[in-house]
Amino acid sequence: MTDSRRRRGLMTASALLGGVLVLSACSGGDSDASESGGSSSQAQADEAAAQKSSEAQIKITPADGSNNASINNSATVSVSKGTLTQVTMTAADGSTVAGELSADKTSWKPSVQLERSTTYKLSATAKDAEGQEAHENASFTTVSPDNSFIGNFTPEDGSTVGVGMPVSINFNKEITNKAAVQKGITVNTTSGQEVVCHWFSTTRMDCRPEDYWQENSTVTLKLALDGVEGADGVFGVQQKTVTFKIGRNQVTYVDAKTKQMKVMQDGKTVRTIPISAGSPDNKTYEGQMVISEKFKETRMNGATVGFTDDDGKGEYDIKDVPHAMRLTSSGTFLHGNYWGAKSIFGSVNTSHGCVGLSDTKGADDPNTPAAWFYDNSIVGDVVVVQNTGDKTVAPDNGLNGWNMDWAQWKAGSAA
């Protein structure tokens, strides 16, 4: 073959090979195959990456960015398909919040109550069975004082009280959604008595049975108000259980006409004490009253309850009234009296509306009638005042809801 013929043959082969190459690069059919291969490779890479990721699934509540979060139930961390290896919670000032990890290492929660109006950050790490790590972070802000409410309650947890002691709750914000709040409050007694709550106002709710509590029973108050919306944008923050015991059944009857006071325990008279009730110009309220406070000595100033002279000063100001027991929030007490003549007790009503018993200055003589009654009375005991000629005390003046009949009491329930 001549050189010219060889050169033409090589050029032809080169042209054909070039054509094949061009067709291979641009052919629709061949292009689909190429892309399919690339997609398959990427899917395989994604699957491999997924297989390398941890199976542990971390959940933090409340959700990231939440506001008005609970100070009781927020900041819980849990994990499925794995165990927690590290949880860190910090407040806005950088301080660390102490927490507790469950025995199986699948949940974590703070061991202290959170503060209101505070932003917290949570960072959690977990491992799955293969040792692969998963991470989760969240930040939330707890409810503010302006957006939360609490209920101040009486009696105290663990106390022993008389048979007349109601559960009384005073809220620090006005409650407009009474039904929701009342649903979050339960009162039960071991005696089995039905207990009904009654709203006196938007800030006060009392709970009691139809008749006095059964002596020696136990009453349990549960406040499940955390997160309950009591008013528009105002949420409860309490989650608490309170238990108190009812003591012996003591009911005292004060008769302003006979000027005698009969103390009865479990239906039997244990002592009769001469008294001096309110004068004809300042009659004592009638009705069933509950001892709400006890003071061995206290000051009583007439100016605080409207008894003033022409100069605006109190008609009386006694700074050491002995053995005083409050019966109304408006100022009615049953107390010792050392300044009056001993002859008034049992014979004449001389007070500004209180019930007085003979006593000595200093409250240090245990043998006086006032000292005996003080020592033998507890908060929650009932004092029934009769025959004064005055009106019946208002049910919300003190802890005196017993002066409302059962039908009216139940009508004040929002449940």
Protein backbone atom coordinates (compact mmCIF):
# COMPACT_ATOMS: atom_id res chain seq x y z
CA MET A 1 0.00 0.00 0.00
CA THR A 2 1.30 3.40 -0.97
CA ASP A 3 1.78 6.08 1.66
CA SER A 4 -1.05 8.13 0.22
CA ARG A 5 -3.45 5.21 0.41
CA ARG A 6 -2.32 4.45 4.01
CA ARG A 7 -2.91 8.03 5.05
CA ARG A 8 -6.42 8.02 3.52
CA GLY A 9 -7.26 4.75 5.35
CA LEU A 10 -6.14 6.11 8.70
CA MET A 11 -8.12 9.28 8.17
CA THR A 12 -11.23 7.24 7.36
CA ALA A 13 -10.86 5.07 10.48
CA SER A 14 -10.26 8.12 12.59
CA ALA A 15 -13.36 9.78 11.24
CA LEU A 16 -15.45 6.68 11.93
CA LEU A 17 -14.09 6.38 15.47
CA GLY A 18 -14.75 10.02 16.04
CA GLY A 19 -18.30 9.54 14.88
CA VAL A 20 -18.81 6.69 17.30
CA LEU A 21 -17.46 8.76 20.13
CA VAL A 22 -19.70 11.66 19.26
CA LEU A 23 -22.74 9.46 18.96
CA SER A 24 -21.96 7.81 22.31
CA ALA A 25 -21.78 11.15 24.04
CA CYS A 26 -24.95 12.66 22.58
CA SER A 27 -27.25 9.74 21.87
CA GLY A 28 -30.57 9.94 23.71
CA GLY A 29 -30.63 6.24 24.54
CA ASP A 30 -27.09 6.15 25.77
CA SER A 31 -27.61 9.40 27.76
CA ASP A 32 -30.55 7.87 29.69
CA ALA A 33 -28.43 4.93 30.62
CA SER A 34 -25.68 7.24 31.83
CA GLU A 35 -28.05 9.33 33.95
CA SER A 36 -29.72 6.24 35.39
CA GLY A 37 -26.35 4.96 36.44
CA GLY A 38 -25.53 8.31 38.07
CA SER A 39 -28.88 8.46 39.93
CA SER A 40 -28.44 4.92 41.14
CA SER A 41 -25.01 5.77 42.42
CA GLN A 42 -26.31 8.82 44.31
CA ALA A 43 -29.17 6.82 45.83
CA GLN A 44 -26.67 4.22 46.94
CA ALA A 45 -24.54 6.96 48.50
CA ASP A 46 -27.55 8.45 50.29
CA GLU A 47 -28.59 5.03 51.57
CA ALA A 48 -25.10 4.37 52.80
CA ALA A 49 -25.03 7.73 54.59
CA ALA A 50 -28.41 7.02 56.19
CA GLN A 51 -27.17 3.64 57.33
CA LYS A 52 -24.26 5.39 59.01
CA SER A 53 -26.57 7.89 60.87
CA SER A 54 -27.71 7.18 64.42
CA GLU A 55 -31.08 5.54 64.88
CA ALA A 56 -31.55 7.38 68.18
CA GLN A 57 -34.49 9.80 68.09
CA ILE A 58 -34.26 12.66 70.62
CA LYS A 59 -37.32 14.67 71.62
CA ILE A 60 -37.19 17.92 73.63
CA THR A 61 -40.27 19.56 75.07
CA PRO A 62 -41.39 22.27 74.86
CA ALA A 63 -40.68 22.78 71.19
CA ASP A 64 -37.87 25.05 70.14
CA GLY A 65 -38.93 28.70 70.28
CA SER A 66 -41.85 28.15 72.68
CA ASN A 67 -43.11 30.95 74.94
CA ASN A 68 -45.20 30.81 78.14
CA ALA A 69 -43.66 27.44 78.93
CA SER A 70 -44.44 25.73 82.22
CA ILE A 71 -42.05 26.15 85.14
CA ASN A 72 -42.99 22.64 86.33
CA ASN A 73 -43.31 20.34 83.36
CA SER A 74 -41.08 21.93 80.75
CA ALA A 75 -37.60 20.83 79.77
CA THR A 76 -38.12 17.11 79.40
CA VAL A 77 -35.75 15.21 77.13
CA SER A 78 -36.48 11.70 75.94
CA VAL A 79 -34.94 9.31 73.41
CA SER A 80 -36.15 6.28 71.54
CA LYS A 81 -33.89 3.67 69.92
CA GLY A 82 -30.98 4.80 72.02
CA THR A 83 -29.73 6.18 75.31
CA LEU A 84 -28.89 9.70 76.41
CA THR A 85 -25.20 10.33 76.97
CA GLN A 86 -25.25 14.05 77.74
CA VAL A 87 -27.89 16.70 78.48
CA THR A 88 -26.99 20.29 79.26
CA MET A 89 -29.50 22.94 80.26
CA THR A 90 -28.53 26.56 80.83
CA ALA A 91 -30.37 29.72 81.81
CA ALA A 92 -30.02 33.07 80.09
CA ASP A 93 -27.21 34.08 82.46
CA GLY A 94 -25.23 30.99 81.56
CA SER A 95 -25.86 29.13 84.80
CA THR A 96 -26.37 25.39 84.53
CA VAL A 97 -29.67 23.81 85.59
CA ALA A 98 -29.33 20.62 87.61
CA GLY A 99 -31.16 17.62 86.22
CA GLU A 100 -31.88 13.93 86.70
CA LEU A 101 -31.27 11.15 84.19
CA SER A 102 -33.56 8.14 84.41
CA ALA A 103 -32.06 4.77 85.37
CA ASP A 104 -32.45 3.45 81.84
CA LYS A 105 -30.94 6.65 80.41
CA THR A 106 -33.90 7.29 78.12
CA SER A 107 -35.23 10.46 79.76
CA TRP A 108 -33.99 13.56 81.59
CA LYS A 109 -35.69 16.36 83.51
CA PRO A 110 -34.65 19.26 85.74
CA SER A 111 -34.34 18.47 89.44
CA VAL A 112 -35.24 22.06 90.39
CA GLN A 113 -38.21 24.25 89.58
CA LEU A 114 -37.62 26.66 86.74
CA GLU A 115 -37.83 30.42 87.10
CA ARG A 116 -40.52 32.50 85.45
CA SER A 117 -39.67 34.90 82.59
CA THR A 118 -36.46 33.03 81.83
CA THR A 119 -35.04 31.73 78.55
CA TYR A 120 -33.47 28.28 78.75
CA LYS A 121 -31.34 26.36 76.26
CA LEU A 122 -31.14 22.58 76.04
CA SER A 123 -28.53 20.50 74.29
CA ALA A 124 -28.84 16.71 74.17
CA THR A 125 -26.70 13.87 72.82
CA ALA A 126 -27.69 10.22 72.48
CA LYS A 127 -26.18 7.01 71.06
CA ASP A 128 -27.87 4.11 69.36
CA ALA A 129 -26.95 0.43 69.71
CA GLU A 130 -24.12 0.83 67.19
CA GLY A 131 -22.62 3.74 69.07
CA GLN A 132 -23.69 6.31 66.49
CA GLU A 133 -24.46 9.74 68.01
CA ALA A 134 -27.54 11.94 67.53
CA HIS A 135 -27.83 15.56 68.65
CA GLU A 136 -30.74 17.90 69.39
CA ASN A 137 -30.97 21.50 70.59
CA ALA A 138 -33.87 23.70 71.69
CA SER A 139 -34.55 27.02 73.37
CA PHE A 140 -37.72 28.17 75.14
CA THR A 141 -38.95 30.90 77.48
CA THR A 142 -40.99 30.24 80.61
CA VAL A 143 -44.22 32.01 81.46
CA SER A 144 -43.90 35.50 82.96
CA PRO A 145 -45.48 36.69 86.23
CA ASP A 146 -47.76 38.94 84.19
CA ASN A 147 -48.93 35.92 82.21
CA SER A 148 -49.35 33.50 85.09
CA PHE A 149 -51.45 33.05 88.22
CA ILE A 150 -51.20 31.15 91.48
CA GLY A 151 -53.71 30.21 94.15
CA ASN A 152 -52.83 30.92 97.77
CA PHE A 153 -54.56 28.22 99.78
CA THR A 154 -55.46 27.38 103.34
CA PRO A 155 -55.13 25.19 105.37
CA GLU A 156 -51.45 24.31 105.21
CA ASP A 157 -50.09 20.99 104.09
CA GLY A 158 -49.72 18.56 106.99
CA SER A 159 -51.81 20.60 109.41
CA THR A 160 -54.57 19.40 111.73
CA VAL A 161 -57.65 21.62 111.72
CA GLY A 162 -61.15 21.80 113.12
CA VAL A 163 -64.27 20.37 111.50
CA GLY A 164 -65.32 23.75 110.11
CA MET A 165 -62.17 24.51 108.12
CA PRO A 166 -62.97 24.99 104.43
CA VAL A 167 -60.42 24.79 101.67
CA SER A 168 -60.07 28.43 100.69
CA ILE A 169 -58.11 29.50 97.60
CA ASN A 170 -57.33 33.12 96.80
CA PHE A 171 -55.95 33.73 93.31
CA ASN A 172 -53.48 36.52 92.63
CA LYS A 173 -55.11 37.28 89.26
CA GLU A 174 -58.76 37.58 88.30
CA ILE A 175 -60.08 34.30 86.93
CA THR A 176 -62.51 34.58 84.04
CA ASN A 177 -62.34 30.95 82.91
CA LYS A 178 -63.62 29.60 86.23
CA ALA A 179 -64.71 26.23 84.83
CA ALA A 180 -61.23 25.39 83.54
CA VAL A 181 -59.59 26.43 86.79
CA GLN A 182 -62.10 24.56 88.94
CA LYS A 183 -61.59 21.46 86.80
CA GLY A 184 -57.92 21.61 87.73
CA ILE A 185 -58.70 21.60 91.47
CA THR A 186 -59.98 18.54 93.30
CA VAL A 187 -60.78 18.07 96.99
CA ASN A 188 -61.42 14.60 98.38
CA THR A 189 -61.90 13.26 101.88
CA THR A 190 -61.49 9.80 103.37
CA SER A 191 -64.93 10.20 104.95
CA GLY A 192 -66.51 9.96 101.50
CA GLN A 193 -68.37 13.27 101.92
CA GLU A 194 -69.25 15.11 98.73
CA VAL A 195 -67.15 18.27 98.44
CA VAL A 196 -68.31 21.21 96.31
CA CYS A 197 -66.44 24.39 95.48
CA HIS A 198 -68.10 27.81 95.45
CA TRP A 199 -66.84 31.01 93.81
CA PHE A 200 -67.27 34.07 96.00
CA SER A 201 -65.58 36.29 93.40
CA THR A 202 -63.20 36.16 90.44
CA THR A 203 -60.31 35.73 92.89
CA ARG A 204 -61.69 33.46 95.63
CA MET A 205 -63.04 29.92 95.65
CA ASP A 206 -63.87 27.91 98.80
CA CYS A 207 -64.61 24.18 98.97
CA ARG A 208 -66.53 22.27 101.68
CA PRO A 209 -68.96 19.40 102.26
CA GLU A 210 -72.63 19.94 103.08
CA ASP A 211 -72.04 19.40 106.81
CA TYR A 212 -68.90 19.84 108.87
CA TRP A 213 -66.01 17.54 108.02
CA GLN A 214 -66.06 14.15 109.68
CA GLU A 215 -63.71 14.18 112.66
CA ASN A 216 -60.41 12.31 112.27
CA SER A 217 -60.76 12.16 108.49
CA THR A 218 -58.09 13.19 105.99
CA VAL A 219 -58.65 15.73 103.22
CA THR A 220 -56.55 15.97 100.06
CA LEU A 221 -56.37 19.06 97.86
CA LYS A 222 -54.84 18.67 94.41
CA LEU A 223 -53.88 21.71 92.37
CA ALA A 224 -53.31 20.64 88.76
CA LEU A 225 -53.23 24.18 87.38
CA ASP A 226 -50.00 24.08 85.44
CA GLY A 227 -50.73 25.40 81.96
CA VAL A 228 -54.43 26.02 82.66
CA GLU A 229 -55.58 29.28 81.07
CA GLY A 230 -57.43 31.10 83.85
CA ALA A 231 -57.92 34.27 81.85
CA ASP A 232 -56.97 35.42 78.38
CA GLY A 233 -53.20 34.86 78.12
CA VAL A 234 -52.84 34.09 81.85
CA PHE A 235 -51.77 30.56 82.77
CA GLY A 236 -51.52 28.59 85.99
CA VAL A 237 -48.13 27.43 87.22
CA GLN A 238 -49.01 25.25 90.20
CA GLN A 239 -48.83 21.50 90.42
CA LYS A 240 -49.19 20.52 94.05
CA THR A 241 -50.87 18.06 96.39
CA VAL A 242 -51.84 19.16 99.90
CA THR A 243 -53.06 16.87 102.66
CA PHE A 244 -54.47 17.90 106.03
CA LYS A 245 -56.22 16.12 108.87
CA ILE A 246 -59.49 16.91 110.60
CA GLY A 247 -59.15 16.77 114.38
CA ARG A 248 -61.76 16.14 117.05
CA ASN A 249 -65.20 17.66 116.59
CA GLN A 250 -65.36 20.86 118.64
CA VAL A 251 -68.22 23.34 118.21
CA THR A 252 -68.69 26.21 120.65
CA TYR A 253 -72.01 27.99 121.16
CA VAL A 254 -71.97 31.63 122.30
CA ASP A 255 -75.31 32.89 123.63
CA ALA A 256 -75.31 36.68 123.90
CA LYS A 257 -78.62 36.56 125.78
CA THR A 258 -77.48 34.27 128.59
CA LYS A 259 -73.91 35.54 128.25
CA GLN A 260 -72.57 32.03 128.45
CA MET A 261 -70.38 30.05 126.08
CA LYS A 262 -70.81 26.28 125.85
CA VAL A 263 -67.86 24.28 124.51
CA MET A 264 -68.86 20.93 123.00
CA GLN A 265 -66.59 18.12 121.83
CA ASP A 266 -68.03 15.16 119.95
CA GLY A 267 -71.51 16.32 120.97
CA LYS A 268 -70.78 16.56 124.69
CA THR A 269 -70.43 19.75 126.74
CA VAL A 270 -66.91 19.93 128.16
CA ARG A 271 -67.06 23.42 129.68
CA THR A 272 -69.34 26.41 130.08
CA ILE A 273 -67.62 29.82 130.19
CA PRO A 274 -69.16 33.24 131.02
CA ILE A 275 -68.64 35.81 128.26
CA SER A 276 -69.26 39.44 127.38
CA ALA A 277 -70.38 39.98 123.77
CA GLY A 278 -71.03 43.15 121.77
CA SER A 279 -72.93 45.96 123.46
CA PRO A 280 -76.42 46.96 122.26
CA ASP A 281 -74.78 49.68 120.14
CA ASN A 282 -72.14 47.36 118.69
CA LYS A 283 -73.75 43.97 118.40
CA THR A 284 -71.76 40.87 117.54
CA TYR A 285 -72.57 39.15 114.24
CA GLU A 286 -74.69 36.04 114.52
CA GLY A 287 -73.97 32.81 112.68
CA GLN A 288 -71.44 30.02 112.28
CA MET A 289 -67.91 31.34 112.40
CA VAL A 290 -64.64 29.51 111.96
CA ILE A 291 -61.46 30.30 113.86
CA SER A 292 -59.03 31.34 111.12
CA GLU A 293 -56.08 32.65 113.18
CA LYS A 294 -54.76 32.41 116.74
CA PHE A 295 -52.54 34.96 118.50
CA LYS A 296 -51.29 34.57 122.04
CA GLU A 297 -51.14 38.37 122.13
CA THR A 298 -52.02 40.97 119.51
CA ARG A 299 -52.81 44.66 119.13
CA MET A 300 -56.38 45.82 118.57
CA ASN A 301 -56.90 49.39 117.37
CA GLY A 302 -60.46 50.63 116.87
CA ALA A 303 -59.35 52.84 113.99
CA THR A 304 -58.66 49.76 111.85
CA VAL A 305 -62.31 48.69 112.02
CA GLY A 306 -64.00 52.08 111.91
CA PHE A 307 -64.27 52.90 115.61
CA THR A 308 -62.76 56.40 115.84
CA ASP A 309 -63.26 59.44 118.03
CA ASP A 310 -63.75 63.04 116.90
CA ASP A 311 -60.01 63.39 116.35
CA GLY A 312 -59.89 60.37 114.09
CA LYS A 313 -58.10 58.23 116.64
CA GLY A 314 -59.25 54.77 117.61
CA GLU A 315 -61.81 54.59 120.37
CA TYR A 316 -59.54 51.94 121.82
CA ASP A 317 -55.94 50.87 121.20
CA ILE A 318 -54.90 47.85 123.23
CA LYS A 319 -51.46 46.60 122.28
CA ASP A 320 -51.46 43.34 124.21
CA VAL A 321 -54.86 41.67 123.82
CA PRO A 322 -54.35 38.11 125.14
CA HIS A 323 -55.47 34.82 123.62
CA ALA A 324 -57.07 36.29 120.51
CA MET A 325 -58.80 34.10 117.91
CA ARG A 326 -60.06 35.62 114.66
CA LEU A 327 -63.64 34.88 113.60
CA THR A 328 -64.09 37.29 110.66
CA SER A 329 -61.82 39.15 108.28
CA SER A 330 -63.63 42.37 109.22
CA GLY A 331 -62.28 42.21 112.78
CA THR A 332 -64.48 40.02 114.96
CA PHE A 333 -62.42 38.11 117.53
CA LEU A 334 -63.02 35.87 120.47
CA HIS A 335 -60.34 36.97 122.93
CA GLY A 336 -59.22 37.38 126.50
CA ASN A 337 -60.09 40.58 128.36
CA TYR A 338 -58.00 41.76 131.34
CA TRP A 339 -59.09 45.41 131.40
CA GLY A 340 -62.77 44.86 132.12
CA ALA A 341 -64.14 44.20 135.58
CA LYS A 342 -64.49 40.48 136.33
CA SER A 343 -68.15 41.10 137.11
CA ILE A 344 -69.09 41.84 133.47
CA PHE A 345 -68.49 38.28 132.29
CA GLY A 346 -71.73 36.40 132.35
CA SER A 347 -73.75 39.52 133.22
CA VAL A 348 -73.40 42.30 130.62
CA ASN A 349 -72.37 42.75 126.98
CA THR A 350 -69.84 45.56 126.75
CA SER A 351 -67.58 45.03 123.71
CA HIS A 352 -67.37 46.72 120.31
CA GLY A 353 -68.50 43.47 118.68
CA CYS A 354 -66.00 40.87 119.84
CA VAL A 355 -66.64 38.09 122.33
CA GLY A 356 -64.60 38.57 125.50
CA LEU A 357 -63.51 36.04 128.14
CA SER A 358 -61.92 36.78 131.49
CA ASP A 359 -58.12 36.87 131.33
CA THR A 360 -55.00 38.41 132.83
CA LYS A 361 -52.47 40.84 131.37
CA GLY A 362 -49.50 39.11 129.78
CA ALA A 363 -51.34 35.95 128.67
CA ASP A 364 -49.20 33.95 131.08
CA ASP A 365 -51.83 32.54 133.44
CA PRO A 366 -52.99 29.13 132.13
CA ASN A 367 -55.86 29.00 134.63
CA THR A 368 -58.00 31.79 133.14
CA PRO A 369 -61.07 30.91 131.05
CA ALA A 370 -59.55 32.64 127.99
CA ALA A 371 -56.28 30.70 128.32
CA TRP A 372 -58.14 27.40 128.67
CA PHE A 373 -60.24 28.02 125.58
CA TYR A 374 -57.19 29.16 123.59
CA ASP A 375 -55.21 26.08 124.55
CA ASN A 376 -58.11 23.78 123.71
CA SER A 377 -58.96 25.33 120.34
CA ILE A 378 -57.41 24.89 116.90
CA VAL A 379 -57.76 26.76 113.65
CA GLY A 380 -60.88 25.47 111.92
CA ASP A 381 -62.97 25.04 115.07
CA VAL A 382 -66.51 26.39 114.80
CA VAL A 383 -67.95 29.13 117.02
CA VAL A 384 -71.71 29.58 116.67
CA VAL A 385 -72.88 32.99 117.91
CA GLN A 386 -76.57 33.33 118.82
CA ASN A 387 -79.11 35.83 120.16
CA THR A 388 -77.16 39.03 119.58
CA GLY A 389 -79.89 40.78 117.59
CA ASP A 390 -77.48 41.50 114.75
CA LYS A 391 -77.47 40.18 111.19
CA THR A 392 -75.92 36.87 110.19
CA VAL A 393 -72.27 37.19 109.20
CA ALA A 394 -71.65 37.20 105.43
CA PRO A 395 -70.40 33.82 104.15
CA ASP A 396 -67.28 35.41 102.63
CA ASN A 397 -66.42 37.46 105.75
CA GLY A 398 -63.74 35.12 106.98
CA LEU A 399 -64.03 31.36 106.46
CA ASN A 400 -67.73 31.39 107.13
CA GLY A 401 -69.34 29.74 104.12
CA TRP A 402 -71.38 27.53 106.46
CA ASN A 403 -73.87 30.40 106.65
CA MET A 404 -74.96 29.67 103.07
CA ASP A 405 -77.38 26.81 102.52
CA TRP A 406 -76.27 23.85 100.42
CA ALA A 407 -78.36 24.69 97.37
CA GLN A 408 -76.92 28.21 97.20
CA TRP A 409 -73.45 26.87 97.79
CA LYS A 410 -73.69 24.40 94.91
CA ALA A 411 -75.14 27.10 92.66
CA GLY A 412 -71.85 28.97 92.99
CA SER A 413 -69.87 26.15 91.43
CA ALA A 414 -68.53 26.59 87.90
CA ALA A 415 -68.20 22.85 87.32
